[in-house]
Structure formats: structure tokens, C-alpha cells
Amino acid sequence: MTTSTVEYLGGLRTSCTHTKSQTKIITDAPVDNNGKGEFFSPTDLLATAYASCMITIMGIYCEANSIHFTHGTSDVIKIMGTNPRRVSKIVLKMDFSGNNWDEETAEKVIRAGKACPVAQTLGTNVEVEFDIKY
């Protein structure tokens, strides 16, 4: 089954439709690559997907282990490299302080998150820096 469909809209913009839900995401080329930067760029989505996947896996881990998890945020910083143009580094500034985890619990939950599918897919191809508060 198709996961999504991507349609070129012109002007370096695409419309991406999730097949099952019909949810749409518009992407735009970034200003530093001839675009308008009015929407997420594809590389913005890649960096953002890392944080989203990590937090989702942490939620799954917490549900499976009866761990309180009601607060989690991440500021995402994407750093581009050149030759070839690529995402070279992702900085995740994460805050889980509202959950009142002790150090042992936080380490287990964060370790589960760092093993998320996006992290496994990117592997060592992209440097990831974490700044995590719990």
C-alpha cells in the first residue's frame, strides 16, 4: 500500500498527502536554496521527524512500562552541510521536566527514544547533539 503521494505544485513547492488519513503537508525549498521558505523544507521534515519519532517511541516505552509521561517538547535545529548539500547535524533541545522522572527512569526512557526508527535509519550519517532536561 502506498504511504503517501507527492505532487509538484510549481515554484519549488510540493503537496504531500498521507494516503490513509489524507492529511496534507506542503513543502517549500528553503531561502538558501532558491525557495521562499514559507513552509517546511524536505530537510526540515527530516530533522523534525527525528524528534517526533524519538518522543513517540518514548511514549510507547512509557505506556508499556507504566511510566508517567505527559510532557515532552523538542526544539529542533537543522544544520546543513555542503559538497554534497545535506543535513550534516541535528541539535535536539528536549524538555521532559514535567514528568518528574528520577535519573534511572529518565535514562531508560531516553535510551528507548534514541533507538527510534528514524535514528536507526540515519545511523552515523548525521551527527545528532542532544540537550535534554528531565
N, C-alpha and C. Protein backbone atom coordinates (compact mmCIF):
# COMPACT_ATOMS: atom_id res chain seq x y z
N MET A 1 0.84 -1.18 0.00
CA MET A 1 0.00 0.00 0.00
C MET A 1 0.88 1.25 0.00
N THR A 2 0.48 2.23 -0.72
CA THR A 2 1.19 3.50 -0.81
C THR A 2 1.12 4.23 0.52
N THR A 3 2.25 4.76 0.97
CA THR A 3 2.30 5.54 2.21
C THR A 3 1.82 6.96 1.97
N SER A 4 2.30 7.55 0.87
CA SER A 4 1.95 8.93 0.58
C SER A 4 2.12 9.20 -0.90
N THR A 5 1.58 10.32 -1.32
CA THR A 5 1.72 10.78 -2.69
C THR A 5 2.26 12.21 -2.65
N VAL A 6 3.24 12.48 -3.48
CA VAL A 6 3.84 13.81 -3.55
C VAL A 6 3.56 14.40 -4.92
N GLU A 7 3.03 15.62 -4.93
CA GLU A 7 2.70 16.30 -6.18
C GLU A 7 3.48 17.61 -6.26
N TYR A 8 4.13 17.86 -7.38
CA TYR A 8 4.84 19.12 -7.59
C TYR A 8 3.83 20.20 -7.91
N LEU A 9 3.88 21.30 -7.16
CA LEU A 9 2.93 22.39 -7.35
C LEU A 9 3.51 23.53 -8.18
N GLY A 10 4.80 23.44 -8.50
CA GLY A 10 5.47 24.54 -9.18
C GLY A 10 6.12 25.45 -8.14
N GLY A 11 7.02 26.29 -8.59
CA GLY A 11 7.64 27.25 -7.69
C GLY A 11 8.44 26.61 -6.57
N LEU A 12 8.99 25.41 -6.82
CA LEU A 12 9.80 24.66 -5.85
C LEU A 12 9.00 24.23 -4.62
N ARG A 13 7.72 23.96 -4.83
CA ARG A 13 6.81 23.59 -3.76
C ARG A 13 6.15 22.25 -4.10
N THR A 14 5.91 21.43 -3.06
CA THR A 14 5.19 20.18 -3.24
C THR A 14 4.04 20.07 -2.26
N SER A 15 3.06 19.24 -2.61
CA SER A 15 1.98 18.87 -1.71
C SER A 15 2.14 17.38 -1.45
N CYS A 16 2.26 17.02 -0.18
CA CYS A 16 2.46 15.63 0.22
C CYS A 16 1.20 15.17 0.93
N THR A 17 0.58 14.10 0.44
CA THR A 17 -0.67 13.61 1.02
C THR A 17 -0.46 12.24 1.61
N HIS A 18 -0.77 12.10 2.90
CA HIS A 18 -0.71 10.82 3.58
C HIS A 18 -1.92 9.99 3.12
N THR A 19 -1.65 8.82 2.58
CA THR A 19 -2.70 8.03 1.93
C THR A 19 -3.84 7.68 2.88
N LYS A 20 -3.53 7.15 4.05
CA LYS A 20 -4.58 6.66 4.95
C LYS A 20 -5.45 7.78 5.50
N SER A 21 -4.84 8.88 5.95
CA SER A 21 -5.61 9.95 6.60
C SER A 21 -5.98 11.10 5.67
N GLN A 22 -5.32 11.17 4.51
CA GLN A 22 -5.48 12.27 3.57
C GLN A 22 -4.99 13.61 4.14
N THR A 23 -4.19 13.55 5.20
CA THR A 23 -3.56 14.76 5.74
C THR A 23 -2.53 15.25 4.74
N LYS A 24 -2.44 16.57 4.60
CA LYS A 24 -1.51 17.16 3.64
C LYS A 24 -0.43 17.97 4.35
N ILE A 25 0.77 17.91 3.79
CA ILE A 25 1.88 18.77 4.20
C ILE A 25 2.38 19.44 2.93
N ILE A 26 2.53 20.75 3.00
CA ILE A 26 3.12 21.49 1.88
C ILE A 26 4.59 21.70 2.21
N THR A 27 5.47 21.49 1.24
CA THR A 27 6.88 21.78 1.43
C THR A 27 7.30 22.88 0.46
N ASP A 28 8.34 23.57 0.85
CA ASP A 28 8.88 24.66 0.04
C ASP A 28 10.40 24.57 0.11
N ALA A 29 11.05 24.89 -0.95
CA ALA A 29 12.52 24.96 -0.91
C ALA A 29 12.90 26.09 0.05
N PRO A 30 13.99 25.90 0.80
CA PRO A 30 14.41 26.96 1.72
C PRO A 30 14.99 28.16 0.98
N VAL A 31 15.01 29.29 1.64
CA VAL A 31 15.52 30.53 1.06
C VAL A 31 16.97 30.35 0.57
N ASP A 32 17.78 29.61 1.33
CA ASP A 32 19.18 29.42 0.94
C ASP A 32 19.36 28.42 -0.21
N ASN A 33 18.24 27.92 -0.74
CA ASN A 33 18.31 27.02 -1.89
C ASN A 33 17.24 27.40 -2.92
N ASN A 34 17.12 28.71 -3.17
CA ASN A 34 16.28 29.27 -4.22
C ASN A 34 14.78 29.24 -3.95
N GLY A 35 14.37 28.91 -2.74
CA GLY A 35 12.95 28.86 -2.43
C GLY A 35 12.47 30.06 -1.64
N LYS A 36 11.21 30.00 -1.26
CA LYS A 36 10.60 31.07 -0.48
C LYS A 36 10.68 30.81 1.03
N GLY A 37 10.87 29.54 1.42
CA GLY A 37 10.95 29.21 2.83
C GLY A 37 9.67 29.46 3.59
N GLU A 38 8.53 29.37 2.92
CA GLU A 38 7.25 29.66 3.56
C GLU A 38 6.64 28.45 4.26
N PHE A 39 7.16 27.26 3.98
CA PHE A 39 6.69 26.02 4.60
C PHE A 39 7.91 25.21 5.01
N PHE A 40 7.68 24.09 5.69
CA PHE A 40 8.77 23.16 5.97
C PHE A 40 9.47 22.82 4.66
N SER A 41 10.79 22.72 4.69
CA SER A 41 11.51 22.14 3.56
C SER A 41 11.60 20.63 3.79
N PRO A 42 11.90 19.84 2.77
CA PRO A 42 12.06 18.41 2.99
C PRO A 42 13.11 18.09 4.06
N THR A 43 14.20 18.85 4.10
CA THR A 43 15.22 18.58 5.12
C THR A 43 14.76 19.04 6.50
N ASP A 44 13.90 20.07 6.58
CA ASP A 44 13.28 20.43 7.86
C ASP A 44 12.46 19.26 8.38
N LEU A 45 11.71 18.63 7.49
CA LEU A 45 10.88 17.49 7.88
C LEU A 45 11.73 16.33 8.37
N LEU A 46 12.87 16.10 7.72
CA LEU A 46 13.78 15.03 8.15
C LEU A 46 14.23 15.27 9.58
N ALA A 47 14.71 16.48 9.87
CA ALA A 47 15.20 16.80 11.21
C ALA A 47 14.07 16.74 12.23
N THR A 48 12.91 17.26 11.86
CA THR A 48 11.76 17.26 12.75
C THR A 48 11.27 15.84 13.02
N ALA A 49 11.34 14.98 11.99
CA ALA A 49 10.93 13.59 12.14
C ALA A 49 11.76 12.87 13.20
N TYR A 50 13.03 13.23 13.32
CA TYR A 50 13.89 12.61 14.33
C TYR A 50 13.30 12.85 15.72
N ALA A 51 13.00 14.11 16.05
CA ALA A 51 12.45 14.43 17.36
C ALA A 51 11.07 13.81 17.56
N SER A 52 10.23 13.87 16.55
CA SER A 52 8.89 13.30 16.65
C SER A 52 8.94 11.80 16.87
N CYS A 53 9.79 11.12 16.14
CA CYS A 53 9.92 9.67 16.27
C CYS A 53 10.45 9.30 17.66
N MET A 54 11.46 10.03 18.10
CA MET A 54 12.05 9.75 19.40
C MET A 54 11.01 9.92 20.52
N ILE A 55 10.26 11.01 20.48
CA ILE A 55 9.25 11.26 21.51
C ILE A 55 8.14 10.22 21.44
N THR A 56 7.75 9.81 20.23
CA THR A 56 6.72 8.78 20.08
C THR A 56 7.18 7.45 20.68
N ILE A 57 8.40 7.05 20.38
CA ILE A 57 8.93 5.79 20.93
C ILE A 57 9.04 5.87 22.45
N MET A 58 9.40 7.03 22.97
CA MET A 58 9.43 7.21 24.42
C MET A 58 8.03 7.02 25.01
N GLY A 59 7.02 7.54 24.32
CA GLY A 59 5.64 7.36 24.77
C GLY A 59 5.23 5.90 24.77
N ILE A 60 5.61 5.18 23.72
CA ILE A 60 5.30 3.74 23.65
C ILE A 60 5.99 3.00 24.79
N TYR A 61 7.27 3.33 25.03
CA TYR A 61 8.02 2.70 26.12
C TYR A 61 7.35 2.99 27.46
N CYS A 62 6.96 4.23 27.68
CA CYS A 62 6.33 4.60 28.94
C CYS A 62 4.99 3.88 29.14
N GLU A 63 4.19 3.81 28.08
CA GLU A 63 2.92 3.08 28.20
C GLU A 63 3.14 1.62 28.53
N ALA A 64 4.12 0.99 27.89
CA ALA A 64 4.39 -0.43 28.11
C ALA A 64 4.95 -0.71 29.51
N ASN A 65 5.56 0.32 30.12
CA ASN A 65 6.20 0.13 31.42
C ASN A 65 5.54 0.93 32.54
N SER A 66 4.32 1.40 32.30
CA SER A 66 3.53 2.14 33.30
C SER A 66 4.31 3.31 33.89
N ILE A 67 4.96 4.08 33.02
CA ILE A 67 5.72 5.26 33.44
C ILE A 67 4.93 6.50 33.05
N HIS A 68 4.77 7.40 33.98
CA HIS A 68 4.05 8.66 33.76
C HIS A 68 4.77 9.47 32.67
N PHE A 69 4.05 9.85 31.60
CA PHE A 69 4.64 10.66 30.52
C PHE A 69 3.55 11.56 29.96
N THR A 70 3.55 12.81 30.40
CA THR A 70 2.56 13.77 29.91
C THR A 70 3.19 15.01 29.32
N HIS A 71 4.52 15.15 29.45
CA HIS A 71 5.17 16.35 28.95
C HIS A 71 6.44 16.01 28.18
N GLY A 72 6.52 16.48 26.96
CA GLY A 72 7.73 16.31 26.17
C GLY A 72 7.74 17.30 25.03
N THR A 73 8.79 18.10 24.94
CA THR A 73 8.94 19.03 23.84
C THR A 73 10.36 18.96 23.31
N SER A 74 10.52 19.39 22.06
CA SER A 74 11.86 19.45 21.49
C SER A 74 11.94 20.62 20.52
N ASP A 75 12.93 21.45 20.73
CA ASP A 75 13.31 22.43 19.72
C ASP A 75 14.31 21.73 18.82
N VAL A 76 14.14 21.88 17.52
CA VAL A 76 14.96 21.19 16.54
C VAL A 76 15.79 22.22 15.77
N ILE A 77 17.08 21.99 15.72
CA ILE A 77 17.97 22.84 14.92
C ILE A 77 18.60 21.95 13.86
N LYS A 78 18.40 22.33 12.60
CA LYS A 78 18.96 21.59 11.47
C LYS A 78 20.14 22.38 10.93
N ILE A 79 21.26 21.70 10.77
CA ILE A 79 22.45 22.34 10.22
C ILE A 79 22.80 21.64 8.90
N MET A 80 22.90 22.45 7.86
CA MET A 80 23.18 21.91 6.54
C MET A 80 24.69 21.89 6.28
N GLY A 81 25.12 20.86 5.55
CA GLY A 81 26.49 20.75 5.09
C GLY A 81 26.54 20.96 3.59
N THR A 82 27.75 21.01 3.07
CA THR A 82 27.93 21.22 1.63
C THR A 82 28.81 20.12 1.04
N ASN A 83 28.76 20.01 -0.28
CA ASN A 83 29.61 19.08 -1.04
C ASN A 83 29.55 17.64 -0.55
N PRO A 84 28.44 16.96 -0.62
CA PRO A 84 27.17 17.40 -1.21
C PRO A 84 26.30 18.12 -0.17
N ARG A 85 25.33 18.88 -0.68
CA ARG A 85 24.37 19.55 0.20
C ARG A 85 23.58 18.46 0.91
N ARG A 86 23.54 18.55 2.25
CA ARG A 86 22.91 17.51 3.05
C ARG A 86 22.67 18.03 4.46
N VAL A 87 21.86 17.32 5.23
CA VAL A 87 21.75 17.60 6.65
C VAL A 87 22.99 17.00 7.29
N SER A 88 23.82 17.83 7.88
CA SER A 88 25.05 17.32 8.50
C SER A 88 24.92 17.16 10.00
N LYS A 89 24.01 17.95 10.61
CA LYS A 89 23.86 17.87 12.07
C LYS A 89 22.44 18.26 12.47
N ILE A 90 21.93 17.57 13.48
CA ILE A 90 20.65 17.89 14.08
C ILE A 90 20.90 18.10 15.57
N VAL A 91 20.42 19.22 16.09
CA VAL A 91 20.51 19.51 17.51
C VAL A 91 19.10 19.43 18.08
N LEU A 92 18.92 18.60 19.10
CA LEU A 92 17.62 18.44 19.74
C LEU A 92 17.70 18.96 21.16
N LYS A 93 16.97 20.04 21.43
CA LYS A 93 16.88 20.60 22.77
C LYS A 93 15.55 20.13 23.34
N MET A 94 15.62 19.09 24.17
CA MET A 94 14.43 18.40 24.63
C MET A 94 14.16 18.69 26.09
N ASP A 95 12.87 18.77 26.42
CA ASP A 95 12.47 19.05 27.80
C ASP A 95 11.39 18.05 28.22
N PHE A 96 11.74 17.24 29.20
CA PHE A 96 10.81 16.26 29.76
C PHE A 96 10.61 16.51 31.25
N SER A 97 10.91 17.74 31.70
CA SER A 97 10.94 18.05 33.13
C SER A 97 9.58 17.94 33.82
N GLY A 98 8.51 18.02 33.10
CA GLY A 98 7.20 17.94 33.71
C GLY A 98 6.77 16.55 34.14
N ASN A 99 7.60 15.55 33.88
CA ASN A 99 7.22 14.17 34.20
C ASN A 99 7.73 13.69 35.55
N ASN A 100 8.62 14.45 36.16
CA ASN A 100 9.18 14.10 37.47
C ASN A 100 9.83 12.72 37.50
N TRP A 101 10.57 12.38 36.44
CA TRP A 101 11.28 11.11 36.41
C TRP A 101 12.52 11.19 37.28
N ASP A 102 12.86 10.09 37.96
CA ASP A 102 14.15 10.02 38.62
C ASP A 102 15.21 9.73 37.56
N GLU A 103 16.46 9.80 37.93
CA GLU A 103 17.54 9.66 36.95
C GLU A 103 17.51 8.30 36.25
N GLU A 104 17.28 7.24 36.98
CA GLU A 104 17.25 5.89 36.39
C GLU A 104 16.11 5.76 35.37
N THR A 105 14.94 6.24 35.71
CA THR A 105 13.80 6.18 34.80
C THR A 105 14.07 7.02 33.56
N ALA A 106 14.56 8.24 33.76
CA ALA A 106 14.85 9.13 32.63
C ALA A 106 15.85 8.47 31.67
N GLU A 107 16.89 7.87 32.20
CA GLU A 107 17.89 7.23 31.34
C GLU A 107 17.29 6.10 30.52
N LYS A 108 16.41 5.30 31.12
CA LYS A 108 15.76 4.20 30.40
C LYS A 108 14.85 4.72 29.29
N VAL A 109 14.05 5.72 29.62
CA VAL A 109 13.10 6.27 28.66
C VAL A 109 13.85 6.94 27.50
N ILE A 110 14.87 7.72 27.82
CA ILE A 110 15.64 8.41 26.79
C ILE A 110 16.40 7.42 25.92
N ARG A 111 16.95 6.38 26.51
CA ARG A 111 17.65 5.34 25.74
C ARG A 111 16.69 4.68 24.75
N ALA A 112 15.47 4.41 25.18
CA ALA A 112 14.46 3.83 24.27
C ALA A 112 14.20 4.79 23.12
N GLY A 113 14.06 6.08 23.42
CA GLY A 113 13.80 7.07 22.38
C GLY A 113 14.93 7.18 21.38
N LYS A 114 16.16 7.12 21.88
CA LYS A 114 17.33 7.24 20.99
C LYS A 114 17.48 6.05 20.05
N ALA A 115 16.73 4.98 20.30
CA ALA A 115 16.76 3.80 19.42
C ALA A 115 15.59 3.81 18.43
N CYS A 116 14.96 4.97 18.24
CA CYS A 116 13.79 5.06 17.37
C CYS A 116 14.15 4.74 15.91
N PRO A 117 13.15 4.39 15.10
CA PRO A 117 13.41 4.04 13.70
C PRO A 117 14.12 5.12 12.88
N VAL A 118 13.81 6.39 13.11
CA VAL A 118 14.48 7.45 12.35
C VAL A 118 15.96 7.48 12.71
N ALA A 119 16.27 7.37 14.01
CA ALA A 119 17.67 7.34 14.44
C ALA A 119 18.39 6.15 13.82
N GLN A 120 17.74 5.01 13.80
CA GLN A 120 18.35 3.81 13.22
C GLN A 120 18.57 3.96 11.72
N THR A 121 17.68 4.65 11.06
CA THR A 121 17.79 4.86 9.62
C THR A 121 18.94 5.81 9.29
N LEU A 122 19.04 6.89 10.03
CA LEU A 122 20.11 7.86 9.76
C LEU A 122 21.47 7.35 10.20
N GLY A 123 21.48 6.52 11.23
CA GLY A 123 22.74 5.93 11.71
C GLY A 123 23.77 6.99 12.00
N THR A 124 24.97 6.78 11.47
CA THR A 124 26.07 7.72 11.71
C THR A 124 26.22 8.72 10.56
N ASN A 125 25.27 8.75 9.64
CA ASN A 125 25.34 9.68 8.51
C ASN A 125 25.08 11.13 8.89
N VAL A 126 24.41 11.33 10.03
CA VAL A 126 24.09 12.67 10.50
C VAL A 126 24.50 12.75 11.97
N GLU A 127 25.25 13.78 12.32
CA GLU A 127 25.61 13.99 13.72
C GLU A 127 24.37 14.49 14.45
N VAL A 128 24.12 13.94 15.63
CA VAL A 128 22.99 14.38 16.44
C VAL A 128 23.51 14.78 17.82
N GLU A 129 23.15 15.98 18.21
CA GLU A 129 23.54 16.51 19.52
C GLU A 129 22.28 16.65 20.37
N PHE A 130 22.35 16.19 21.60
CA PHE A 130 21.20 16.24 22.50
C PHE A 130 21.47 17.20 23.66
N ASP A 131 20.47 17.98 24.00
CA ASP A 131 20.46 18.79 25.22
C ASP A 131 19.12 18.44 25.89
N ILE A 132 19.16 17.56 26.88
CA ILE A 132 17.93 17.01 27.43
C ILE A 132 17.77 17.39 28.90
N LYS A 133 16.61 17.97 29.23
CA LYS A 133 16.27 18.28 30.61
C LYS A 133 15.18 17.31 31.04
N TYR A 134 15.35 16.76 32.24
CA TYR A 134 14.32 15.91 32.81
C TYR A 134 14.23 16.16 34.29
